[in-house]
């Protein structure tokens, strides 16, 4: 006799939403490596001050400037067309038990790193306590999925419909890198970075440009404490 997992309740809702996302869009994923040295240093600087700022918060903080250059990546598809959003509302994928929740950090363009971190931490705590409201999980304009605590380097996150883009964060690991200045091989902190887009609306070249710009923003991260 085998055990049965029924696709009901929240698990069933997530399953239906994932299936619909794949069936209704043309999903295409891109992957790259990021030199995470600056990212690791920035997080360490916040930690030294006793501030709970995570890698995800630091990356969310660079998105508003980025989507100002690439507005299609911060948009929602509606029946009458694609609505570009001036506000950056970032969904954060959270695994809770056997379910996946995506609460939204709203108005990131107007928040500091600390405010983003506090808002995301509140959402995570309420998600684990099963106290999220429906309003907490709607209205996102793009999403981040973080598998940095696993051994996954790259993955192809599924679009959180009706959004057009989702960013995937892999683990940060030590890897040999050729230093451009000296030409020597050195050990650096490297993070896998992934991007999935709806290819019906976003072509490969702009997707590659966006991922490149995001990687460069992470590598030159200046979100340090004042």
C-alpha atoms as a PDB file:
ATOM      1  CA  UNK A   1       0.000   0.000   0.000  1.00  0.00           C
ATOM      2  CA  UNK A   2       1.399   3.415  -0.973  1.00  0.00           C
ATOM      3  CA  UNK A   3       0.925   6.831   0.582  1.00  0.00           C
ATOM      4  CA  UNK A   4      -1.153   9.379  -1.324  1.00  0.00           C
ATOM      5  CA  UNK A   5      -0.496  13.090  -1.530  1.00  0.00           C
ATOM      6  CA  UNK A   6      -3.672  14.878  -2.577  1.00  0.00           C
ATOM      7  CA  UNK A   7      -3.474  18.115  -4.533  1.00  0.00           C
ATOM      8  CA  UNK A   8      -5.997  19.936  -2.407  1.00  0.00           C
ATOM      9  CA  UNK A   9      -6.072  23.140  -0.393  1.00  0.00           C
ATOM     10  CA  UNK A  10      -3.043  25.419  -0.692  1.00  0.00           C
ATOM     11  CA  UNK A  11      -0.927  22.704  -2.328  1.00  0.00           C
ATOM     12  CA  UNK A  12      -3.599  22.187  -4.957  1.00  0.00           C
ATOM     13  CA  UNK A  13      -3.892  25.915  -5.614  1.00  0.00           C
ATOM     14  CA  UNK A  14      -0.115  26.193  -6.093  1.00  0.00           C
ATOM     15  CA  UNK A  15      -0.126  23.161  -8.415  1.00  0.00           C
ATOM     16  CA  UNK A  16      -2.872  24.625 -10.601  1.00  0.00           C
ATOM     17  CA  UNK A  17      -1.183  28.022 -10.737  1.00  0.00           C
ATOM     18  CA  UNK A  18       2.179  26.479 -11.724  1.00  0.00           C
ATOM     19  CA  UNK A  19       0.589  24.359 -14.448  1.00  0.00           C
ATOM     20  CA  UNK A  20      -1.319  27.349 -15.831  1.00  0.00           C
ATOM     21  CA  UNK A  21       1.859  29.445 -15.846  1.00  0.00           C
ATOM     22  CA  UNK A  22       3.718  26.889 -17.975  1.00  0.00           C
ATOM     23  CA  UNK A  23       0.774  26.272 -20.298  1.00  0.00           C
ATOM     24  CA  UNK A  24      -0.092  29.933 -20.935  1.00  0.00           C
ATOM     25  CA  UNK A  25       3.392  31.400 -21.441  1.00  0.00           C
ATOM     26  CA  UNK A  26       6.572  30.778 -23.428  1.00  0.00           C
ATOM     27  CA  UNK A  27       9.095  30.512 -20.610  1.00  0.00           C
ATOM     28  CA  UNK A  28      12.779  30.920 -21.344  1.00  0.00           C
ATOM     29  CA  UNK A  29      15.566  30.898 -18.731  1.00  0.00           C
ATOM     30  CA  UNK A  30      19.046  32.413 -18.705  1.00  0.00           C
ATOM     31  CA  UNK A  31      21.927  31.747 -16.299  1.00  0.00           C
ATOM     32  CA  UNK A  32      25.207  33.362 -15.312  1.00  0.00           C
ATOM     33  CA  UNK A  33      27.807  33.523 -12.540  1.00  0.00           C
ATOM     34  CA  UNK A  34      28.188  36.601 -10.352  1.00  0.00           C
ATOM     35  CA  UNK A  35      31.258  37.660  -8.393  1.00  0.00           C
ATOM     36  CA  UNK A  36      29.575  37.978  -4.998  1.00  0.00           C
ATOM     37  CA  UNK A  37      32.572  39.481  -3.170  1.00  0.00           C
ATOM     38  CA  UNK A  38      30.934  42.910  -2.751  1.00  0.00           C
ATOM     39  CA  UNK A  39      27.612  41.313  -1.826  1.00  0.00           C
ATOM     40  CA  UNK A  40      29.209  39.196   0.904  1.00  0.00           C
ATOM     41  CA  UNK A  41      31.130  42.220   2.215  1.00  0.00           C
ATOM     42  CA  UNK A  42      28.005  44.367   2.323  1.00  0.00           C
ATOM     43  CA  UNK A  43      26.040  41.763   4.277  1.00  0.00           C
ATOM     44  CA  UNK A  44      28.961  41.334   6.703  1.00  0.00           C
ATOM     45  CA  UNK A  45      29.058  45.106   7.287  1.00  0.00           C
ATOM     46  CA  UNK A  46      25.362  45.147   8.203  1.00  0.00           C
ATOM     47  CA  UNK A  47      25.804  42.095  10.420  1.00  0.00           C
ATOM     48  CA  UNK A  48      28.639  43.789  12.334  1.00  0.00           C
ATOM     49  CA  UNK A  49      26.157  46.520  13.253  1.00  0.00           C
ATOM     50  CA  UNK A  50      23.684  43.926  14.490  1.00  0.00           C
ATOM     51  CA  UNK A  51      21.359  44.559  11.532  1.00  0.00           C
ATOM     52  CA  UNK A  52      19.451  41.647   9.979  1.00  0.00           C
ATOM     53  CA  UNK A  53      19.993  42.326   6.291  1.00  0.00           C
ATOM     54  CA  UNK A  54      20.157  39.320   3.966  1.00  0.00           C
ATOM     55  CA  UNK A  55      21.576  38.781   0.494  1.00  0.00           C
ATOM     56  CA  UNK A  56      18.046  38.815  -0.886  1.00  0.00           C
ATOM     57  CA  UNK A  57      17.395  42.243   0.648  1.00  0.00           C
ATOM     58  CA  UNK A  58      20.567  43.674  -0.889  1.00  0.00           C
ATOM     59  CA  UNK A  59      19.599  42.344  -4.311  1.00  0.00           C
ATOM     60  CA  UNK A  60      16.033  43.632  -4.046  1.00  0.00           C
ATOM     61  CA  UNK A  61      17.518  47.037  -3.249  1.00  0.00           C
ATOM     62  CA  UNK A  62      19.250  47.282  -6.651  1.00  0.00           C
ATOM     63  CA  UNK A  63      16.123  46.362  -8.641  1.00  0.00           C
ATOM     64  CA  UNK A  64      14.359  49.776  -8.756  1.00  0.00           C
ATOM     65  CA  UNK A  65      17.275  51.452 -10.567  1.00  0.00           C
ATOM     66  CA  UNK A  66      17.482  48.456 -12.877  1.00  0.00           C
ATOM     67  CA  UNK A  67      13.819  48.294 -13.866  1.00  0.00           C
ATOM     68  CA  UNK A  68      13.880  52.020 -14.607  1.00  0.00           C
ATOM     69  CA  UNK A  69      16.149  51.020 -17.509  1.00  0.00           C
ATOM     70  CA  UNK A  70      14.220  47.824 -18.301  1.00  0.00           C
ATOM     71  CA  UNK A  71      10.548  48.624 -17.579  1.00  0.00           C
ATOM     72  CA  UNK A  72       9.151  45.528 -19.305  1.00  0.00           C
ATOM     73  CA  UNK A  73      10.672  43.351 -16.595  1.00  0.00           C
ATOM     74  CA  UNK A  74       8.549  45.085 -13.964  1.00  0.00           C
ATOM     75  CA  UNK A  75       5.151  44.603 -15.540  1.00  0.00           C
ATOM     76  CA  UNK A  76       1.881  42.710 -15.399  1.00  0.00           C
ATOM     77  CA  UNK A  77       0.031  41.147 -18.316  1.00  0.00           C
ATOM     78  CA  UNK A  78      -3.660  41.983 -18.313  1.00  0.00           C
ATOM     79  CA  UNK A  79      -6.387  41.192 -20.851  1.00  0.00           C
ATOM     80  CA  UNK A  80      -5.906  44.546 -22.598  1.00  0.00           C
ATOM     81  CA  UNK A  81      -2.110  44.278 -22.751  1.00  0.00           C
ATOM     82  CA  UNK A  82       1.028  44.673 -20.663  1.00  0.00           C
ATOM     83  CA  UNK A  83       0.864  47.221 -17.845  1.00  0.00           C
ATOM     84  CA  UNK A  84       4.243  48.716 -16.948  1.00  0.00           C
ATOM     85  CA  UNK A  85       4.528  49.551 -13.259  1.00  0.00           C
ATOM     86  CA  UNK A  86       6.353  52.598 -11.905  1.00  0.00           C
ATOM     87  CA  UNK A  87       6.290  51.001  -8.460  1.00  0.00           C
ATOM     88  CA  UNK A  88       8.464  47.971  -7.717  1.00  0.00           C
ATOM     89  CA  UNK A  89       6.561  45.330  -5.763  1.00  0.00           C
ATOM     90  CA  UNK A  90       8.805  42.279  -5.342  1.00  0.00           C
ATOM     91  CA  UNK A  91       7.341  38.868  -4.583  1.00  0.00           C
ATOM     92  CA  UNK A  92       9.572  36.656  -2.417  1.00  0.00           C
ATOM     93  CA  UNK A  93       9.035  32.927  -2.878  1.00  0.00           C
ATOM     94  CA  UNK A  94       8.896  31.191   0.524  1.00  0.00           C
ATOM     95  CA  UNK A  95       8.630  27.444   1.103  1.00  0.00           C
ATOM     96  CA  UNK A  96       6.383  26.741   4.072  1.00  0.00           C
ATOM     97  CA  UNK A  97       5.891  23.054   4.803  1.00  0.00           C
ATOM     98  CA  UNK A  98       4.550  21.486   1.631  1.00  0.00           C
ATOM     99  CA  UNK A  99       3.379  24.797   0.154  1.00  0.00           C
ATOM    100  CA  UNK A 100       4.941  27.692  -1.693  1.00  0.00           C
ATOM    101  CA  UNK A 101       3.906  31.224  -0.800  1.00  0.00           C
ATOM    102  CA  UNK A 102       4.937  34.442  -2.542  1.00  0.00           C
ATOM    103  CA  UNK A 103       4.258  37.461  -0.298  1.00  0.00           C
ATOM    104  CA  UNK A 104       5.110  40.871  -1.716  1.00  0.00           C
ATOM    105  CA  UNK A 105       7.498  43.554  -0.469  1.00  0.00           C
ATOM    106  CA  UNK A 106       5.752  46.670  -1.739  1.00  0.00           C
ATOM    107  CA  UNK A 107       7.140  49.990  -2.891  1.00  0.00           C
ATOM    108  CA  UNK A 108      10.770  48.889  -2.938  1.00  0.00           C
ATOM    109  CA  UNK A 109      11.686  52.002  -4.952  1.00  0.00           C
ATOM    110  CA  UNK A 110      10.895  54.101  -1.870  1.00  0.00           C
ATOM    111  CA  UNK A 111      12.461  51.819   0.757  1.00  0.00           C
ATOM    112  CA  UNK A 112      15.970  51.676   2.195  1.00  0.00           C
ATOM    113  CA  UNK A 113      17.813  48.376   2.569  1.00  0.00           C
ATOM    114  CA  UNK A 114      16.805  48.223   6.235  1.00  0.00           C
ATOM    115  CA  UNK A 115      13.159  48.881   5.383  1.00  0.00           C
ATOM    116  CA  UNK A 116      13.194  46.191   2.700  1.00  0.00           C
ATOM    117  CA  UNK A 117      14.786  43.749   5.154  1.00  0.00           C
ATOM    118  CA  UNK A 118      12.240  44.543   7.864  1.00  0.00           C
ATOM    119  CA  UNK A 119       9.300  44.179   5.469  1.00  0.00           C
ATOM    120  CA  UNK A 120      10.558  40.880   4.076  1.00  0.00           C
ATOM    121  CA  UNK A 121      11.343  39.507   7.555  1.00  0.00           C
ATOM    122  CA  UNK A 122       7.810  40.356   8.693  1.00  0.00           C
ATOM    123  CA  UNK A 123       6.340  38.543   5.683  1.00  0.00           C
ATOM    124  CA  UNK A 124       8.500  35.462   6.261  1.00  0.00           C
ATOM    125  CA  UNK A 125       7.534  35.299   9.942  1.00  0.00           C
ATOM    126  CA  UNK A 126       3.836  35.648   9.178  1.00  0.00           C
ATOM    127  CA  UNK A 127       4.092  33.090   6.370  1.00  0.00           C
ATOM    128  CA  UNK A 128       5.584  30.524   8.743  1.00  0.00           C
ATOM    129  CA  UNK A 129       2.896  31.328  11.304  1.00  0.00           C
ATOM    130  CA  UNK A 130       0.262  30.991   8.556  1.00  0.00           C
ATOM    131  CA  UNK A 131      -0.921  34.539   9.189  1.00  0.00           C
ATOM    132  CA  UNK A 132      -0.554  35.990   5.704  1.00  0.00           C
ATOM    133  CA  UNK A 133      -3.578  37.668   4.159  1.00  0.00           C
ATOM    134  CA  UNK A 134      -4.490  37.301   0.494  1.00  0.00           C
ATOM    135  CA  UNK A 135      -3.554  40.967   0.055  1.00  0.00           C
ATOM    136  CA  UNK A 136      -0.006  40.125   1.185  1.00  0.00           C
ATOM    137  CA  UNK A 137       0.395  37.787  -1.794  1.00  0.00           C
ATOM    138  CA  UNK A 138      -1.130  39.854  -4.594  1.00  0.00           C
ATOM    139  CA  UNK A 139       0.011  42.829  -6.622  1.00  0.00           C
ATOM    140  CA  UNK A 140       3.625  41.797  -7.210  1.00  0.00           C
ATOM    141  CA  UNK A 141       5.354  43.128 -10.333  1.00  0.00           C
ATOM    142  CA  UNK A 142       8.329  40.742 -10.332  1.00  0.00           C
ATOM    143  CA  UNK A 143       9.535  37.873  -8.132  1.00  0.00           C
ATOM    144  CA  UNK A 144      12.718  36.505  -6.556  1.00  0.00           C
ATOM    145  CA  UNK A 145      13.186  32.831  -5.720  1.00  0.00           C
ATOM    146  CA  UNK A 146      16.155  32.060  -3.463  1.00  0.00           C
ATOM    147  CA  UNK A 147      17.733  28.592  -3.215  1.00  0.00           C
ATOM    148  CA  UNK A 148      20.949  29.958  -1.747  1.00  0.00           C
ATOM    149  CA  UNK A 149      20.801  27.672   1.300  1.00  0.00           C
ATOM    150  CA  UNK A 150      20.933  24.565  -0.909  1.00  0.00           C
ATOM    151  CA  UNK A 151      23.660  23.208  -3.210  1.00  0.00           C
ATOM    152  CA  UNK A 152      21.815  24.490  -6.281  1.00  0.00           C
ATOM    153  CA  UNK A 153      23.884  26.814  -8.461  1.00  0.00           C
ATOM    154  CA  UNK A 154      21.337  27.569 -11.210  1.00  0.00           C
ATOM    155  CA  UNK A 155      17.705  26.719 -11.821  1.00  0.00           C
ATOM    156  CA  UNK A 156      14.790  27.767 -14.022  1.00  0.00           C
ATOM    157  CA  UNK A 157      12.178  29.373 -11.768  1.00  0.00           C
ATOM    158  CA  UNK A 158       8.587  29.275 -13.057  1.00  0.00           C
ATOM    159  CA  UNK A 159       6.956  32.616 -13.774  1.00  0.00           C
ATOM    160  CA  UNK A 160       4.612  33.950 -11.138  1.00  0.00           C
ATOM    161  CA  UNK A 161       1.809  34.830 -13.538  1.00  0.00           C
ATOM    162  CA  UNK A 162       0.769  37.439 -14.613  1.00  0.00           C
ATOM    163  CA  UNK A 163       4.309  38.770 -14.079  1.00  0.00           C
ATOM    164  CA  UNK A 164       6.787  38.642 -16.958  1.00  0.00           C
ATOM    165  CA  UNK A 165      10.041  37.965 -15.086  1.00  0.00           C
ATOM    166  CA  UNK A 166      11.373  36.015 -12.112  1.00  0.00           C
ATOM    167  CA  UNK A 167      14.927  36.009 -10.721  1.00  0.00           C
ATOM    168  CA  UNK A 168      16.534  32.884  -9.272  1.00  0.00           C
ATOM    169  CA  UNK A 169      19.341  33.054  -6.700  1.00  0.00           C
ATOM    170  CA  UNK A 170      21.663  30.081  -6.318  1.00  0.00           C
ATOM    171  CA  UNK A 171      24.161  29.320  -3.585  1.00  0.00           C
ATOM    172  CA  UNK A 172      27.261  31.417  -2.933  1.00  0.00           C
ATOM    173  CA  UNK A 173      30.355  29.243  -3.232  1.00  0.00           C
ATOM    174  CA  UNK A 174      34.115  29.627  -3.458  1.00  0.00           C
ATOM    175  CA  UNK A 175      35.374  29.228  -7.036  1.00  0.00           C
ATOM    176  CA  UNK A 176      38.620  29.881  -8.952  1.00  0.00           C
ATOM    177  CA  UNK A 177      38.413  33.138 -10.916  1.00  0.00           C
ATOM    178  CA  UNK A 178      40.982  34.836 -13.147  1.00  0.00           C
ATOM    179  CA  UNK A 179      41.730  38.288 -11.732  1.00  0.00           C
ATOM    180  CA  UNK A 180      41.601  40.725 -14.652  1.00  0.00           C
ATOM    181  CA  UNK A 181      44.188  43.070 -13.164  1.00  0.00           C
ATOM    182  CA  UNK A 182      46.888  40.501 -12.389  1.00  0.00           C
ATOM    183  CA  UNK A 183      45.896  37.615 -14.651  1.00  0.00           C
ATOM    184  CA  UNK A 184      46.271  35.278 -11.669  1.00  0.00           C
ATOM    185  CA  UNK A 185      43.754  32.680 -10.574  1.00  0.00           C
ATOM    186  CA  UNK A 186      42.231  33.609  -7.219  1.00  0.00           C
ATOM    187  CA  UNK A 187      39.469  32.215  -5.022  1.00  0.00           C
ATOM    188  CA  UNK A 188      36.333  34.351  -5.082  1.00  0.00           C
ATOM    189  CA  UNK A 189      32.802  34.109  -3.740  1.00  0.00           C
ATOM    190  CA  UNK A 190      30.624  33.249  -6.744  1.00  0.00           C
ATOM    191  CA  UNK A 191      26.826  33.095  -6.923  1.00  0.00           C
ATOM    192  CA  UNK A 192      24.661  31.444  -9.565  1.00  0.00           C
ATOM    193  CA  UNK A 193      22.079  33.853 -10.990  1.00  0.00           C
ATOM    194  CA  UNK A 194      19.091  32.854 -13.110  1.00  0.00           C
ATOM    195  CA  UNK A 195      16.321  34.695 -14.933  1.00  0.00           C
ATOM    196  CA  UNK A 196      13.111  33.371 -16.455  1.00  0.00           C
ATOM    197  CA  UNK A 197      11.033  35.561 -18.770  1.00  0.00           C
ATOM    198  CA  UNK A 198       7.904  35.236 -20.881  1.00  0.00           C
ATOM    199  CA  UNK A 199       9.399  34.977 -24.358  1.00  0.00           C
ATOM    200  CA  UNK A 200       6.098  36.016 -25.911  1.00  0.00           C
ATOM    201  CA  UNK A 201       6.747  39.507 -24.601  1.00  0.00           C
ATOM    202  CA  UNK A 202      10.472  39.665 -23.792  1.00  0.00           C
ATOM    203  CA  UNK A 203      13.071  38.648 -26.371  1.00  0.00           C
ATOM    204  CA  UNK A 204      16.402  36.987 -25.702  1.00  0.00           C
ATOM    205  CA  UNK A 205      18.581  40.056 -26.233  1.00  0.00           C
ATOM    206  CA  UNK A 206      16.827  42.314 -23.689  1.00  0.00           C
ATOM    207  CA  UNK A 207      16.695  39.372 -21.273  1.00  0.00           C
ATOM    208  CA  UNK A 208      20.454  38.933 -21.655  1.00  0.00           C
ATOM    209  CA  UNK A 209      20.970  42.677 -21.219  1.00  0.00           C
ATOM    210  CA  UNK A 210      18.850  42.716 -18.057  1.00  0.00           C
ATOM    211  CA  UNK A 211      20.663  39.725 -16.540  1.00  0.00           C
ATOM    212  CA  UNK A 212      24.019  41.317 -17.380  1.00  0.00           C
ATOM    213  CA  UNK A 213      22.981  44.613 -15.780  1.00  0.00           C
ATOM    214  CA  UNK A 214      21.693  42.803 -12.697  1.00  0.00           C
ATOM    215  CA  UNK A 215      24.939  40.844 -12.359  1.00  0.00           C
ATOM    216  CA  UNK A 216      26.966  44.047 -12.647  1.00  0.00           C
ATOM    217  CA  UNK A 217      24.771  45.803 -10.080  1.00  0.00           C
ATOM    218  CA  UNK A 218      25.321  42.951  -7.624  1.00  0.00           C
ATOM    219  CA  UNK A 219      29.065  42.923  -8.276  1.00  0.00           C
ATOM    220  CA  UNK A 220      29.347  46.649  -7.546  1.00  0.00           C
ATOM    221  CA  UNK A 221      26.842  46.620  -4.672  1.00  0.00           C
ATOM    222  CA  UNK A 222      27.145  49.792  -2.609  1.00  0.00           C
ATOM    223  CA  UNK A 223      24.273  49.109  -0.199  1.00  0.00           C
ATOM    224  CA  UNK A 224      26.506  49.625   2.809  1.00  0.00           C
ATOM    225  CA  UNK A 225      25.579  51.111   6.191  1.00  0.00           C
ATOM    226  CA  UNK A 226      25.937  54.887   6.432  1.00  0.00           C
END
